[in-house]
Amino acid sequence: MCEANAYIYENGKENLYLESVDIMRPEEGKIYLRNLFGEQKIFDGEIKEISLLHHKIVLTKR
């Protein structure tokens, strides 16, 4: 599988935001995420880092 977990970076820590993300795309200045289970979230922030090796997406708030 090629899905990744999305985390929000705050106060020096990474907090889980959405697991098993399979779709991520920019949408009107925000980031749309959907996981394998059909759960959808729209994050108002930026991508800090994506690690394909560790299946991890790190987001930061604006």
Protein backbone atom coordinates (compact mmCIF):
# COMPACT_ATOMS: atom_id res chain seq x y z
CA MET A 1 0.00 0.00 0.00
CA CYS A 2 1.11 3.54 -0.66
CA GLU A 3 -1.02 5.48 1.79
CA ALA A 4 0.47 7.73 4.48
CA ASN A 5 -0.55 9.18 7.83
CA ALA A 6 -0.96 12.95 8.06
CA TYR A 7 0.28 14.84 11.11
CA ILE A 8 -0.01 18.45 12.23
CA TYR A 9 3.25 19.95 13.53
CA GLU A 10 2.55 22.14 16.57
CA ASN A 11 4.70 23.18 19.52
CA GLY A 12 7.55 20.92 18.43
CA LYS A 13 5.32 17.82 18.23
CA GLU A 14 3.59 15.91 15.45
CA ASN A 15 -0.05 15.10 16.23
CA LEU A 16 -1.97 12.61 14.12
CA TYR A 17 -4.54 14.35 11.91
CA LEU A 18 -5.69 11.62 9.51
CA GLU A 19 -4.47 8.09 8.97
CA SER A 20 -4.25 6.07 5.76
CA VAL A 21 -4.40 9.11 3.45
CA ASP A 22 -4.59 8.08 -0.18
CA ILE A 23 -5.58 11.40 -1.81
CA MET A 24 -4.13 14.83 -1.07
CA ARG A 25 -4.62 17.87 -3.29
CA PRO A 26 -4.61 21.67 -3.09
CA GLU A 27 -8.08 23.16 -3.06
CA GLU A 28 -8.72 26.92 -2.93
CA GLY A 29 -5.63 27.64 -0.84
CA LYS A 30 -6.23 24.71 1.52
CA ILE A 31 -5.29 21.03 1.49
CA TYR A 32 -7.94 18.38 0.83
CA LEU A 33 -7.23 14.93 2.27
CA ARG A 34 -9.19 11.67 1.94
CA ASN A 35 -8.29 8.32 3.42
CA LEU A 36 -8.96 4.71 2.45
CA PHE A 37 -12.06 4.65 4.66
CA GLY A 38 -13.70 7.60 2.87
CA GLU A 39 -13.05 10.10 5.67
CA GLN A 40 -12.37 13.58 4.27
CA LYS A 41 -10.78 16.63 5.84
CA ILE A 42 -9.77 20.07 4.59
CA PHE A 43 -6.73 21.55 6.31
CA ASP A 44 -6.03 25.27 6.32
CA GLY A 45 -2.25 25.28 6.28
CA GLU A 46 0.83 24.18 4.39
CA ILE A 47 2.85 21.06 3.75
CA LYS A 48 5.96 21.04 5.92
CA GLU A 49 7.34 17.70 4.78
CA ILE A 50 6.40 14.49 2.99
CA SER A 51 8.39 11.33 3.62
CA LEU A 52 7.50 8.61 1.14
CA LEU A 53 9.85 6.16 2.81
CA HIS A 54 8.13 6.59 6.19
CA HIS A 55 4.60 7.03 4.72
CA LYS A 56 4.25 10.35 6.52
CA ILE A 57 2.82 13.78 5.68
CA VAL A 58 3.56 16.68 8.03
CA LEU A 59 1.36 19.77 7.85
CA THR A 60 1.68 23.15 9.57
CA LYS A 61 -0.99 25.73 10.34
CA ARG A 62 -0.77 29.18 8.78
